[in-house]
Amino acid sequence: MLDGMDRAVREFPDNEALRTPRSVMTYRELGARTDAFADRLGRTTRPDEWVALLGTRGAAAIVALVGALKARRPFVFVDERDSDASNAAKTGLLGVRLLARGTGDDGHVDLTGLPDRWRATPGATRQEPDGTADDRPPPRQLPFPDSEIGYAIHTSGSTGTPKCVLVRAAPLAPVIRDHVTRLSVGPGSRTLQFARLTFDGCLTEILWTLTAGACLVVVDEERLAPGPVLQDTLERFGITHLKTTPFALTVTEPTDAMRLEHVVNGGGPCRPATVRTWSKAASFHNAYGLTETTVCNLLSDALDPDDCRDAVPLGEPVGDCAYVLRDVDTGATGSGVRRGELVVTGASVAAGYLTERGVEPLRGPEGTGGHATGDVVELRDGRLCYVERLDRQVKVRGYRLDPGEIETAVCRHPDVREAVVVPEAHTDGDAAATDTLVGYYQGTADPRTLRRHLDGLLDPYKIPSVLERVDVFPSTPNGKIDRDALRARRHARAPEDAPDRPDDQVLRLVRTLTGVKDARLDDNFFELGGDSASAVVLVTGMKKLGWTDAGVRDVLRADTLRDLADRLRERSV
């Protein structure tokens, strides 16, 4: 990998290596700056000493990253947008005393002491052997040879407490090499650096570019907002290679003014509609990987939309890794397992989690020697497809369900772009009472049509009771769909004035419960998605409107909503 960067400097010295909105750096200039920083870092630090790199977008952060790799010093990115407590926890655990940071667009990197606010014990000092005082923390003794660990990345914490993952340097090289080959990266390519530097996805973007003599485009965060803003950035900078999230790909449309050649979906499940949309503009790929398994483990060749109507394959292995499937119920890992938890094996598996107690090695199921990912996948026609995370499995009305399986079925409809299925309570009184499934989706499909579509694909108990169309999904800071915000937004809607007529009152209750905004009096409540649980809620709503003797039996016996309204009207006379 380092050889690739040095070769790019030798063979393409005058080519653009790094472009920002305000500056351009050639490979000759990049080589000089990274060599100078690597030399300084090597003279200033011990071989096993960690250095923090400030994750502010710009030329300096890229120079610092490459320089740390050249100096063979382990590094961790910190971000000023994160809390001081979070950054102090990161640097304190690793024993960091120095921070690499730069200002401006010239790529100059300063190596300074860690700010007090990011120290676990501000102001603490200790005595060096020569009697001088040093405020750095004691060196963290790790059970690895010098230069074996390349960097630390902290997990997002979306499935629990963030963990500090120690990643070896050597397995990164074959991962990058395979990306360069499969994505045809070369001197004429221009990659948009999209991922935040505290997320390990940035490493593939940066390194597949700089080892191939291509140009890395680094813009301010504001220029990466999914939608029209990202559209403009892709056009303005002539981006040919883009790796981004499913959310960004769903809300951004390709245009004729773009120069895209390869687009990669990463960080979440890919939908058939996304393949259809973006494969018209470029070769479209799906990717899969984890922080614990060196960024990326699976990368597809260019996908054919016609082959992705039912599900989008995750791809074939990249780098030095393999995988096995572990049956969730039996624990079996033999060749006969077609659906189960994905276990990544091979050298790409990280060295372990670093805790206050020391290093905890990653362990897969007995006999695998790998990392159990927590992701359920299945083989379909010899291709590996994503199903769901184990910790997202839910139990609704006595049935154990995989929301991801249902989302995939929803997205098989040609007029659905994205879908999220979440368990919810029919009312906001008890958040723990998840008595129904709500399917939120983006697209032009009508809820009625979509329900008929699901009738042919899923068992009845798997079909969401509520199918609700949304214009744009809310997102988290790392570009994933915010499921909690979806739930909160649905329950926080301001109530409309209660209609006077029984017909309208019944329709309003049913539309709220099923998500079918055009529910009509001639509709059957259960054909709209109603079930036993929502029937109880419907009756409760009718009682609040004054029909105190309304019961579930009324709902069950009514062939249509008109019949139900007529009964209420008769009782109100």
Protein backbone atom coordinates (compact mmCIF):
# COMPACT_ATOMS: atom_id res chain seq x y z
CA MET A 1 0.00 0.00 0.00
CA LEU A 2 2.78 2.43 0.92
CA ASP A 3 4.63 1.26 -2.17
CA GLY A 4 1.57 2.19 -4.21
CA MET A 5 1.55 5.73 -2.85
CA ASP A 6 5.28 6.15 -3.47
CA ARG A 7 4.87 4.78 -7.00
CA ALA A 8 2.12 7.29 -7.70
CA VAL A 9 4.44 10.11 -6.61
CA ARG A 10 7.19 8.83 -8.94
CA GLU A 11 5.00 8.12 -11.96
CA PHE A 12 2.54 11.03 -11.75
CA PRO A 13 4.39 13.85 -9.95
CA ASP A 14 2.48 16.65 -11.68
CA ASN A 15 -0.97 15.05 -11.51
CA GLU A 16 -3.54 16.36 -9.08
CA ALA A 17 -3.46 14.26 -5.92
CA LEU A 18 -5.67 16.34 -3.68
CA ARG A 19 -8.21 19.01 -4.53
CA THR A 20 -10.24 21.16 -2.19
CA PRO A 21 -12.60 24.01 -3.12
CA ARG A 22 -9.70 26.43 -2.58
CA SER A 23 -6.50 24.57 -3.47
CA VAL A 24 -4.83 21.84 -5.50
CA MET A 25 -1.92 19.64 -4.40
CA THR A 26 0.11 17.60 -6.87
CA TYR A 27 1.56 14.18 -6.13
CA ARG A 28 5.02 15.74 -5.89
CA GLU A 29 3.76 18.16 -3.24
CA LEU A 30 1.79 15.49 -1.43
CA GLY A 31 4.82 13.20 -1.32
CA ALA A 32 7.02 15.95 0.10
CA ARG A 33 4.52 16.92 2.79
CA THR A 34 3.72 13.37 3.89
CA ASP A 35 7.43 12.46 3.99
CA ALA A 36 8.21 15.52 6.08
CA PHE A 37 5.42 14.80 8.55
CA ALA A 38 6.34 11.10 8.73
CA ASP A 39 9.96 12.03 9.46
CA ARG A 40 8.94 14.43 12.21
CA LEU A 41 6.52 11.96 13.72
CA GLY A 42 9.16 9.23 13.69
CA ARG A 43 11.67 11.45 15.48
CA THR A 44 9.17 12.73 18.05
CA THR A 45 7.41 9.54 19.10
CA ARG A 46 8.18 6.03 20.23
CA PRO A 47 7.43 3.16 17.80
CA ASP A 48 4.48 2.01 19.90
CA GLU A 49 3.14 5.48 20.68
CA TRP A 50 -0.31 6.55 19.55
CA VAL A 51 -0.96 9.89 17.90
CA ALA A 52 -4.32 11.63 17.52
CA LEU A 53 -5.23 13.07 14.11
CA LEU A 54 -7.71 15.92 14.00
CA GLY A 55 -10.56 14.83 11.77
CA THR A 56 -11.33 18.21 10.23
CA ARG A 57 -11.91 17.96 6.49
CA GLY A 58 -9.02 19.38 4.50
CA ALA A 59 -5.58 18.71 3.07
CA ALA A 60 -3.89 18.55 6.48
CA ALA A 61 -5.93 15.60 7.69
CA ILE A 62 -5.05 13.60 4.55
CA VAL A 63 -1.34 14.45 4.91
CA ALA A 64 -1.45 13.44 8.57
CA LEU A 65 -3.12 10.11 7.78
CA VAL A 66 -0.66 9.16 5.05
CA GLY A 67 2.27 10.44 7.13
CA ALA A 68 1.26 8.32 10.12
CA LEU A 69 1.06 5.25 7.90
CA LYS A 70 4.52 5.99 6.48
CA ALA A 71 5.98 6.54 9.95
CA ARG A 72 4.32 3.30 11.08
CA ARG A 73 2.77 5.01 14.06
CA PRO A 74 -0.67 3.90 15.23
CA PHE A 75 -3.27 6.66 15.07
CA VAL A 76 -6.80 7.53 16.05
CA PHE A 77 -8.97 10.27 14.55
CA VAL A 78 -10.68 12.74 16.88
CA ASP A 79 -13.36 15.23 15.89
CA GLU A 80 -13.96 18.61 17.49
CA ARG A 81 -17.70 18.14 16.92
CA ASP A 82 -17.70 15.23 19.37
CA SER A 83 -17.92 15.92 23.07
CA ASP A 84 -14.80 16.63 25.10
CA ALA A 85 -15.67 13.66 27.27
CA SER A 86 -15.79 11.36 24.23
CA ASN A 87 -12.45 12.60 22.88
CA ALA A 88 -10.85 12.40 26.32
CA ALA A 89 -12.03 8.81 26.65
CA LYS A 90 -10.51 7.93 23.26
CA THR A 91 -7.14 9.56 23.88
CA GLY A 92 -6.92 8.50 27.52
CA LEU A 93 -7.50 4.83 26.74
CA LEU A 94 -4.72 4.86 24.12
CA GLY A 95 -2.29 7.00 26.11
CA VAL A 96 -2.19 9.75 23.47
CA ARG A 97 -0.09 12.86 24.20
CA LEU A 98 0.25 14.45 20.74
CA LEU A 99 -2.26 15.86 18.29
CA ALA A 100 -1.64 16.32 14.56
CA ARG A 101 -3.65 19.22 13.20
CA GLY A 102 -3.45 21.68 10.35
CA THR A 103 -4.99 24.94 9.27
CA GLY A 104 -5.46 26.33 5.80
CA ASP A 105 -5.24 24.42 2.54
CA ASP A 106 -1.48 24.06 2.13
CA GLY A 107 -1.36 20.64 3.82
CA HIS A 108 0.94 21.76 6.61
CA VAL A 109 0.49 19.69 9.77
CA ASP A 110 1.37 20.87 13.26
CA LEU A 111 2.27 18.34 15.93
CA THR A 112 1.20 19.77 19.28
CA GLY A 113 0.40 18.62 22.77
CA LEU A 114 -3.06 17.27 23.36
CA PRO A 115 -5.45 20.02 24.54
CA ASP A 116 -6.23 19.88 28.25
CA ARG A 117 -9.90 19.30 27.58
CA TRP A 118 -9.07 16.03 25.82
CA ARG A 119 -6.86 14.66 28.56
CA ALA A 120 -8.20 12.07 30.93
CA THR A 121 -6.36 13.81 33.82
CA PRO A 122 -5.77 17.48 32.84
CA GLY A 123 -2.57 18.96 34.17
CA ALA A 124 -1.13 15.68 35.41
CA THR A 125 2.65 15.28 35.13
CA ARG A 126 5.16 12.51 35.67
CA GLN A 127 8.94 12.34 35.95
CA GLU A 128 11.11 11.22 33.04
CA PRO A 129 14.34 9.30 33.69
CA ASP A 130 16.36 12.50 33.19
CA GLY A 131 14.38 14.26 35.89
CA THR A 132 12.29 16.45 33.57
CA ALA A 133 8.54 16.67 33.92
CA ASP A 134 6.34 15.25 31.18
CA ASP A 135 2.58 15.66 31.10
CA ARG A 136 1.92 12.76 28.76
CA PRO A 137 0.08 9.70 30.07
CA PRO A 138 2.04 6.55 30.77
CA PRO A 139 2.62 4.56 27.57
CA ARG A 140 -0.03 1.91 26.98
CA GLN A 141 1.62 -1.46 26.80
CA LEU A 142 -0.11 -3.58 24.17
CA PRO A 143 0.73 -7.23 23.43
CA PHE A 144 1.71 -6.58 19.81
CA PRO A 145 5.00 -6.02 17.99
CA ASP A 146 5.80 -2.44 16.98
CA SER A 147 4.00 -1.34 13.79
CA GLU A 148 1.55 -4.25 13.83
CA ILE A 149 -1.41 -2.08 14.82
CA GLY A 150 -2.19 0.57 12.22
CA TYR A 151 -5.06 2.48 13.77
CA ALA A 152 -7.94 2.46 16.23
CA ILE A 153 -11.52 3.10 15.21
CA HIS A 154 -14.38 3.45 17.65
CA THR A 155 -17.67 1.83 16.72
CA SER A 156 -20.66 4.14 16.40
CA GLY A 157 -22.42 2.72 19.43
CA SER A 158 -25.65 2.26 17.48
CA THR A 159 -25.98 -1.27 18.90
CA GLY A 160 -24.56 -0.53 22.35
CA THR A 161 -21.61 1.24 23.99
CA PRO A 162 -18.93 2.40 21.50
CA LYS A 163 -15.92 0.08 21.42
CA CYS A 164 -12.29 0.83 20.60
CA VAL A 165 -11.21 -1.55 17.82
CA LEU A 166 -7.51 -2.16 17.22
CA VAL A 167 -6.92 -2.81 13.52
CA ARG A 168 -3.74 -4.28 12.09
CA ALA A 169 -2.00 -2.36 9.32
CA ALA A 170 -1.06 -5.25 7.02
CA PRO A 171 -4.60 -6.46 6.04
CA LEU A 172 -5.51 -3.00 4.78
CA ALA A 173 -3.22 -3.33 1.74
CA PRO A 174 -5.05 -6.23 -0.01
CA VAL A 175 -8.40 -4.57 0.70
CA ILE A 176 -7.23 -1.42 -1.08
CA ARG A 177 -5.64 -3.37 -3.93
CA ASP A 178 -8.88 -5.22 -4.63
CA HIS A 179 -10.87 -1.97 -4.64
CA VAL A 180 -8.50 -0.39 -7.14
CA THR A 181 -8.89 -3.39 -9.44
CA ARG A 182 -12.66 -3.86 -9.20
CA LEU A 183 -13.45 -0.16 -9.42
CA SER A 184 -10.92 0.52 -12.21
CA VAL A 185 -9.30 3.39 -10.32
CA GLY A 186 -6.54 5.15 -12.26
CA PRO A 187 -4.85 8.51 -12.91
CA GLY A 188 -7.95 9.96 -14.55
CA SER A 189 -10.25 9.07 -11.64
CA ARG A 190 -11.63 11.57 -9.12
CA THR A 191 -12.95 10.25 -5.80
CA LEU A 192 -15.18 12.25 -3.48
CA GLN A 193 -14.05 11.86 0.12
CA PHE A 194 -17.49 11.38 1.65
CA ALA A 195 -17.20 9.55 4.98
CA ARG A 196 -16.36 11.35 8.20
CA LEU A 197 -12.76 10.72 9.18
CA THR A 198 -13.83 9.13 12.45
CA PHE A 199 -15.53 6.39 10.40
CA ASP A 200 -13.27 3.77 8.87
CA GLY A 201 -15.06 3.98 5.52
CA CYS A 202 -12.87 7.00 4.80
CA LEU A 203 -9.80 4.77 4.56
CA THR A 204 -10.89 2.97 1.42
CA GLU A 205 -11.91 6.22 -0.31
CA ILE A 206 -8.60 7.89 0.48
CA LEU A 207 -6.27 4.99 -0.12
CA TRP A 208 -7.80 3.50 -3.28
CA THR A 209 -7.34 6.99 -4.74
CA LEU A 210 -3.81 7.84 -3.62
CA THR A 211 -2.36 4.41 -4.44
CA ALA A 212 -3.68 4.60 -8.01
CA GLY A 213 -2.50 8.07 -8.99
CA ALA A 214 -6.05 9.43 -8.92
CA CYS A 215 -7.36 12.70 -7.46
CA LEU A 216 -9.02 12.87 -4.04
CA VAL A 217 -11.62 15.63 -3.77
CA VAL A 218 -12.13 16.92 -0.21
CA VAL A 219 -14.93 19.43 0.37
CA ASP A 220 -16.55 20.99 3.40
CA GLU A 221 -19.26 19.03 5.20
CA GLU A 222 -21.94 21.40 3.94
CA ARG A 223 -21.22 20.34 0.34
CA LEU A 224 -22.03 16.70 1.11
CA ALA A 225 -25.67 17.08 2.19
CA PRO A 226 -27.67 14.39 0.36
CA GLY A 227 -30.00 15.74 -2.31
CA PRO A 228 -29.45 18.77 -4.53
CA VAL A 229 -26.31 19.85 -2.64
CA LEU A 230 -24.52 16.52 -3.17
CA GLN A 231 -25.80 16.54 -6.75
CA ASP A 232 -24.09 19.88 -7.36
CA THR A 233 -20.84 18.71 -5.73
CA LEU A 234 -20.68 15.61 -7.93
CA GLU A 235 -21.21 17.74 -11.03
CA ARG A 236 -18.98 20.65 -10.06
CA PHE A 237 -15.91 18.55 -9.24
CA GLY A 238 -16.32 15.96 -12.00
CA ILE A 239 -16.45 13.04 -9.55
CA THR A 240 -15.95 9.63 -11.17
CA HIS A 241 -15.89 7.44 -8.04
CA LEU A 242 -18.36 7.70 -5.17
CA LYS A 243 -18.93 5.53 -2.12
CA THR A 244 -21.83 6.64 0.04
CA THR A 245 -24.74 5.52 2.19
CA PRO A 246 -28.12 4.10 1.17
CA PHE A 247 -29.78 7.22 2.56
CA ALA A 248 -27.69 9.55 0.39
CA LEU A 249 -28.30 7.42 -2.69
CA THR A 250 -32.04 7.39 -2.07
CA VAL A 251 -32.50 11.17 -1.76
CA THR A 252 -29.95 12.15 -4.45
CA GLU A 253 -30.69 11.78 -8.15
CA PRO A 254 -28.05 11.22 -10.85
CA THR A 255 -27.93 13.81 -13.62
CA ASP A 256 -26.58 13.99 -17.17
CA ALA A 257 -23.99 16.53 -16.01
CA MET A 258 -22.25 14.00 -13.76
CA ARG A 259 -19.12 12.14 -14.84
CA LEU A 260 -19.64 9.16 -12.56
CA GLU A 261 -18.05 5.86 -13.56
CA HIS A 262 -18.40 3.78 -10.37
CA VAL A 263 -20.81 4.20 -7.46
CA VAL A 264 -20.63 2.05 -4.31
CA ASN A 265 -23.38 1.55 -1.73
CA GLY A 266 -21.95 1.04 1.76
CA GLY A 267 -23.05 1.28 5.36
CA GLY A 268 -26.48 -0.31 5.04
CA PRO A 269 -28.83 -2.49 2.99
CA CYS A 270 -29.09 -1.65 -0.70
CA ARG A 271 -32.50 -1.61 -2.38
CA PRO A 272 -33.44 -2.73 -5.91
CA ALA A 273 -34.69 0.79 -6.74
CA THR A 274 -31.29 2.22 -5.87
CA VAL A 275 -29.61 -0.20 -8.27
CA ARG A 276 -32.09 0.72 -11.01
CA THR A 277 -31.58 4.45 -10.50
CA TRP A 278 -27.81 4.65 -10.24
CA SER A 279 -26.83 1.91 -12.68
CA LYS A 280 -28.19 4.19 -15.40
CA ALA A 281 -25.45 6.68 -14.56
CA ALA A 282 -22.49 4.44 -13.65
CA SER A 283 -21.35 0.95 -12.79
CA PHE A 284 -23.08 0.33 -9.49
CA HIS A 285 -21.62 -1.85 -6.70
CA ASN A 286 -22.75 -3.04 -3.29
CA ALA A 287 -20.30 -3.34 -0.40
CA TYR A 288 -20.29 -4.84 3.08
CA GLY A 289 -17.86 -4.65 5.97
CA LEU A 290 -17.38 -3.90 9.65
CA THR A 291 -15.01 -1.88 11.77
CA GLU A 292 -13.93 -5.17 13.38
CA THR A 293 -13.00 -6.70 10.01
CA THR A 294 -10.89 -3.99 8.35
CA VAL A 295 -13.42 -1.75 6.67
CA CYS A 296 -14.73 -3.87 3.79
CA ASN A 297 -15.11 -7.62 3.29
CA LEU A 298 -17.50 -7.97 0.37
CA LEU A 299 -17.71 -5.94 -2.82
CA SER A 300 -19.83 -6.79 -5.83
CA ASP A 301 -18.95 -6.38 -9.45
CA ALA A 302 -21.16 -3.99 -11.42
CA LEU A 303 -24.75 -5.03 -10.69
CA ASP A 304 -27.44 -5.69 -13.29
CA PRO A 305 -30.80 -4.28 -12.11
CA ASP A 306 -32.63 -7.24 -13.67
CA ASP A 307 -30.68 -9.57 -11.36
CA CYS A 308 -31.54 -7.51 -8.28
CA ARG A 309 -35.33 -7.41 -8.38
CA ASP A 310 -35.76 -9.65 -5.33
CA ALA A 311 -32.60 -8.77 -3.37
CA VAL A 312 -29.26 -7.07 -3.89
CA PRO A 313 -26.21 -9.33 -3.37
CA LEU A 314 -23.51 -8.20 -0.96
CA GLY A 315 -20.68 -9.20 -3.28
CA GLU A 316 -17.56 -11.34 -3.21
CA PRO A 317 -14.71 -11.22 -0.64
CA VAL A 318 -12.08 -8.51 -0.85
CA GLY A 319 -8.79 -8.52 1.00
CA ASP A 320 -7.58 -11.40 3.12
CA CYS A 321 -10.86 -12.77 4.46
CA ALA A 322 -13.43 -15.50 4.08
CA TYR A 323 -16.72 -16.25 5.81
CA VAL A 324 -18.97 -18.96 7.19
CA LEU A 325 -22.66 -18.91 8.10
CA ARG A 326 -23.73 -19.94 11.61
CA ASP A 327 -27.25 -21.29 12.01
CA VAL A 328 -28.92 -19.01 14.56
CA ASP A 329 -30.90 -21.81 16.20
CA THR A 330 -28.46 -24.74 16.17
CA GLY A 331 -25.07 -23.03 15.99
CA ALA A 332 -24.06 -25.23 13.05
CA THR A 333 -21.55 -23.79 10.57
CA GLY A 334 -21.36 -26.48 7.91
CA SER A 335 -21.76 -26.13 4.17
CA GLY A 336 -25.45 -26.95 4.46
CA VAL A 337 -26.26 -23.73 6.30
CA ARG A 338 -28.00 -21.43 3.82
CA ARG A 339 -29.22 -18.76 6.24
CA GLY A 340 -27.57 -17.63 9.44
CA GLU A 341 -25.25 -15.20 11.17
CA LEU A 342 -22.32 -14.08 9.04
CA VAL A 343 -18.95 -14.90 10.59
CA VAL A 344 -15.93 -13.25 8.97
CA THR A 345 -12.65 -15.18 9.14
CA GLY A 346 -9.08 -14.58 8.01
CA ALA A 347 -6.38 -11.98 8.57
CA SER A 348 -8.79 -9.08 8.09
CA VAL A 349 -10.33 -9.73 11.49
CA ALA A 350 -9.08 -6.99 13.82
CA ALA A 351 -6.69 -7.58 16.72
CA GLY A 352 -9.40 -6.99 19.30
CA TYR A 353 -11.21 -4.47 21.48
CA LEU A 354 -9.13 -2.29 23.76
CA THR A 355 -10.62 -1.78 27.21
CA GLU A 356 -9.32 -0.49 30.52
CA ARG A 357 -8.60 -4.11 31.42
CA GLY A 358 -6.55 -4.76 28.29
CA VAL A 359 -7.14 -6.26 24.85
CA GLU A 360 -10.15 -8.52 24.33
CA PRO A 361 -9.56 -10.70 21.24
CA LEU A 362 -12.41 -11.05 18.78
CA ARG A 363 -13.92 -14.50 18.80
CA GLY A 364 -16.33 -16.18 16.47
CA PRO A 365 -18.36 -19.32 17.17
CA GLU A 366 -16.35 -22.29 18.35
CA GLY A 367 -14.09 -23.57 15.64
CA THR A 368 -14.34 -20.58 13.30
CA GLY A 369 -11.62 -18.31 14.70
CA GLY A 370 -13.36 -15.27 13.24
CA HIS A 371 -15.70 -12.45 14.15
CA ALA A 372 -19.43 -13.04 14.57
CA THR A 373 -20.91 -9.97 12.89
CA GLY A 374 -24.43 -10.06 14.34
CA ASP A 375 -25.81 -9.83 10.78
CA VAL A 376 -28.17 -12.48 9.43
CA VAL A 377 -27.58 -13.27 5.75
CA GLU A 378 -28.70 -15.97 3.35
CA LEU A 379 -27.46 -17.58 0.18
CA ARG A 380 -29.79 -17.07 -2.78
CA ASP A 381 -28.73 -18.72 -6.02
CA GLY A 382 -25.17 -18.81 -4.73
CA ARG A 383 -25.13 -15.11 -3.83
CA LEU A 384 -24.92 -13.75 -0.32
CA CYS A 385 -27.80 -11.39 0.57
CA TYR A 386 -28.44 -9.37 3.70
CA VAL A 387 -31.48 -10.15 5.85
CA GLU A 388 -31.29 -8.37 9.22
CA ARG A 389 -29.26 -7.71 12.34
CA LEU A 390 -29.80 -10.25 15.09
CA ASP A 391 -30.45 -7.49 17.61
CA ARG A 392 -33.23 -6.03 15.41
CA GLN A 393 -35.31 -9.17 15.56
CA VAL A 394 -38.57 -8.31 17.29
CA LYS A 395 -41.54 -10.08 18.80
CA VAL A 396 -44.94 -8.66 17.88
CA ARG A 397 -48.16 -10.32 19.03
CA GLY A 398 -46.35 -13.57 19.73
CA TYR A 399 -44.42 -13.82 16.45
CA ARG A 400 -40.66 -13.39 16.14
CA LEU A 401 -39.90 -11.28 13.07
CA ASP A 402 -36.98 -9.97 11.05
CA PRO A 403 -37.88 -6.39 10.06
CA GLY A 404 -35.18 -6.47 7.40
CA GLU A 405 -36.85 -9.40 5.65
CA ILE A 406 -40.10 -7.43 5.52
CA GLU A 407 -38.31 -4.27 4.31
CA THR A 408 -36.78 -6.28 1.48
CA ALA A 409 -40.22 -7.52 0.46
CA VAL A 410 -41.64 -3.98 0.50
CA CYS A 411 -38.74 -2.76 -1.65
CA ARG A 412 -39.41 -5.44 -4.25
CA HIS A 413 -42.34 -3.31 -5.39
CA PRO A 414 -41.09 -1.33 -8.42
CA ASP A 415 -42.54 1.94 -7.08
CA VAL A 416 -40.79 1.77 -3.68
CA ARG A 417 -37.33 3.26 -3.23
CA GLU A 418 -36.69 2.60 0.46
CA ALA A 419 -38.54 1.10 3.41
CA VAL A 420 -38.18 0.88 7.17
CA VAL A 421 -40.25 -1.48 9.29
CA VAL A 422 -40.41 -0.85 13.03
CA PRO A 423 -42.45 -2.25 15.91
CA GLU A 424 -44.59 0.37 17.59
CA ALA A 425 -47.38 0.77 20.04
CA HIS A 426 -50.70 1.77 18.53
CA THR A 427 -50.83 4.56 21.08
CA ASP A 428 -48.02 6.58 22.63
CA GLY A 429 -49.02 5.74 26.16
CA ASP A 430 -46.72 2.72 26.53
CA ALA A 431 -43.59 2.71 24.38
CA ALA A 432 -42.82 -0.85 25.46
CA ALA A 433 -46.15 -2.20 24.20
CA THR A 434 -45.04 -2.91 20.64
CA ASP A 435 -48.31 -4.42 19.45
CA THR A 436 -48.06 -3.60 15.75
CA LEU A 437 -45.67 -3.32 12.82
CA VAL A 438 -45.45 -0.01 10.99
CA GLY A 439 -43.95 0.06 7.51
CA TYR A 440 -42.68 3.45 6.40
CA TYR A 441 -41.73 3.70 2.76
CA GLN A 442 -40.51 6.21 0.20
CA GLY A 443 -41.94 5.99 -3.28
CA THR A 444 -45.09 6.44 -5.33
CA ALA A 445 -46.79 3.14 -4.50
CA ASP A 446 -50.28 3.38 -3.08
CA PRO A 447 -50.69 1.68 0.35
CA ARG A 448 -53.50 -0.50 -1.00
CA THR A 449 -51.43 -1.68 -3.95
CA LEU A 450 -48.45 -2.25 -1.70
CA ARG A 451 -50.52 -4.37 0.67
CA ARG A 452 -51.68 -6.55 -2.21
CA HIS A 453 -48.05 -6.86 -3.30
CA LEU A 454 -47.05 -8.09 0.17
CA ASP A 455 -49.95 -10.56 0.28
CA GLY A 456 -48.14 -12.57 -2.37
CA LEU A 457 -44.74 -12.48 -0.68
CA LEU A 458 -45.18 -12.72 3.09
CA ASP A 459 -47.10 -14.70 5.65
CA PRO A 460 -50.04 -12.64 6.91
CA TYR A 461 -48.53 -12.06 10.35
CA LYS A 462 -45.46 -10.44 8.72
CA ILE A 463 -47.39 -7.79 6.79
CA PRO A 464 -47.27 -4.40 8.57
CA SER A 465 -50.56 -3.24 10.01
CA VAL A 466 -49.69 0.31 8.98
CA LEU A 467 -48.12 1.24 5.66
CA GLU A 468 -47.24 4.90 5.65
CA ARG A 469 -45.65 6.83 2.80
CA VAL A 470 -43.05 9.46 3.70
CA ASP A 471 -41.40 12.06 1.50
CA VAL A 472 -37.95 11.97 3.12
CA PHE A 473 -36.62 9.75 5.88
CA PRO A 474 -34.96 11.47 8.85
CA SER A 475 -31.28 10.61 9.16
CA THR A 476 -28.64 10.24 11.87
CA PRO A 477 -25.31 12.15 11.78
CA ASN A 478 -23.61 9.16 10.13
CA GLY A 479 -26.10 9.09 7.27
CA LYS A 480 -28.38 6.24 8.35
CA ILE A 481 -32.16 6.32 8.67
CA ASP A 482 -33.23 7.47 12.13
CA ARG A 483 -35.88 4.95 13.18
CA ASP A 484 -36.49 6.60 16.53
CA ALA A 485 -37.23 9.90 14.81
CA LEU A 486 -39.75 8.14 12.56
CA ARG A 487 -41.63 6.82 15.56
CA ALA A 488 -41.53 10.14 17.38
CA ARG A 489 -42.69 12.09 14.32
CA ARG A 490 -45.69 9.84 13.81
CA HIS A 491 -46.87 10.14 17.42
CA ALA A 492 -46.12 13.87 17.65
CA ARG A 493 -48.47 14.96 14.87
CA ALA A 494 -50.86 17.66 15.96
CA PRO A 495 -54.39 16.28 16.23
CA GLU A 496 -56.91 17.65 13.79
CA ASP A 497 -60.24 19.01 14.94
CA ALA A 498 -62.57 16.10 15.47
CA PRO A 499 -65.10 15.82 12.62
CA ASP A 500 -68.79 15.97 13.51
CA ARG A 501 -70.24 13.25 11.27
CA PRO A 502 -69.88 9.59 12.33
CA ASP A 503 -68.68 8.71 8.80
CA ASP A 504 -65.80 11.18 9.03
CA GLN A 505 -64.95 10.21 12.59
CA VAL A 506 -64.60 6.54 11.70
CA LEU A 507 -62.56 7.34 8.59
CA ARG A 508 -60.18 9.54 10.54
CA LEU A 509 -59.54 6.83 13.14
CA VAL A 510 -59.03 4.14 10.50
CA ARG A 511 -56.68 6.30 8.40
CA THR A 512 -54.55 6.98 11.46
CA LEU A 513 -54.38 3.31 12.42
CA THR A 514 -53.63 1.88 8.97
CA GLY A 515 -51.74 4.66 7.22
CA VAL A 516 -54.17 4.46 4.27
CA LYS A 517 -54.89 8.16 3.83
CA ASP A 518 -57.64 7.62 1.25
CA ALA A 519 -59.56 4.98 3.20
CA ARG A 520 -63.20 5.02 2.04
CA LEU A 521 -66.47 4.01 3.61
CA ASP A 522 -66.76 1.05 1.25
CA ASP A 523 -63.47 -0.42 2.53
CA ASN A 524 -63.18 -3.29 4.97
CA PHE A 525 -61.15 -2.40 8.05
CA PHE A 526 -59.15 -5.63 8.02
CA GLU A 527 -58.41 -5.46 4.30
CA LEU A 528 -56.85 -2.04 4.91
CA GLY A 529 -54.42 -3.62 7.39
CA GLY A 530 -56.49 -3.66 10.55
CA ASP A 531 -55.94 -6.52 12.97
CA SER A 532 -57.11 -7.61 16.39
CA ALA A 533 -54.81 -5.18 18.19
CA SER A 534 -55.76 -2.17 16.08
CA ALA A 535 -59.45 -3.13 16.36
CA VAL A 536 -59.13 -2.66 20.12
CA VAL A 537 -57.51 0.73 19.57
CA LEU A 538 -60.26 1.67 17.09
CA VAL A 539 -62.92 0.83 19.66
CA THR A 540 -61.07 2.86 22.29
CA GLY A 541 -61.04 5.83 19.92
CA MET A 542 -64.75 5.48 19.25
CA LYS A 543 -65.50 5.42 22.96
CA LYS A 544 -63.51 8.65 23.42
CA LEU A 545 -65.75 10.21 20.79
CA GLY A 546 -68.83 9.36 22.81
CA TRP A 547 -69.87 5.85 21.71
CA THR A 548 -69.29 4.32 25.11
CA ASP A 549 -71.00 1.03 24.23
CA ALA A 550 -68.91 0.40 21.09
CA GLY A 551 -67.13 -2.95 21.11
CA VAL A 552 -64.70 -5.08 19.11
CA ARG A 553 -67.67 -7.18 18.01
CA ASP A 554 -69.00 -4.16 16.10
CA VAL A 555 -65.76 -3.93 14.14
CA LEU A 556 -65.68 -7.66 13.43
CA ARG A 557 -69.26 -7.76 12.17
CA ALA A 558 -69.02 -4.68 9.94
CA ASP A 559 -68.37 -5.65 6.32
CA THR A 560 -67.46 -2.06 5.52
CA LEU A 561 -66.61 1.11 7.39
CA ARG A 562 -69.99 2.44 6.25
CA ASP A 563 -71.69 -0.39 8.17
CA LEU A 564 -69.70 0.54 11.27
CA ALA A 565 -70.54 4.24 10.92
CA ASP A 566 -74.23 3.41 10.44
CA ARG A 567 -74.25 1.46 13.69
CA LEU A 568 -72.69 4.38 15.52
CA ARG A 569 -75.15 6.76 13.90
CA GLU A 570 -78.08 4.61 15.03
CA ARG A 571 -76.83 4.63 18.60
CA SER A 572 -76.36 8.39 18.59
CA VAL A 573 -79.99 9.05 17.67
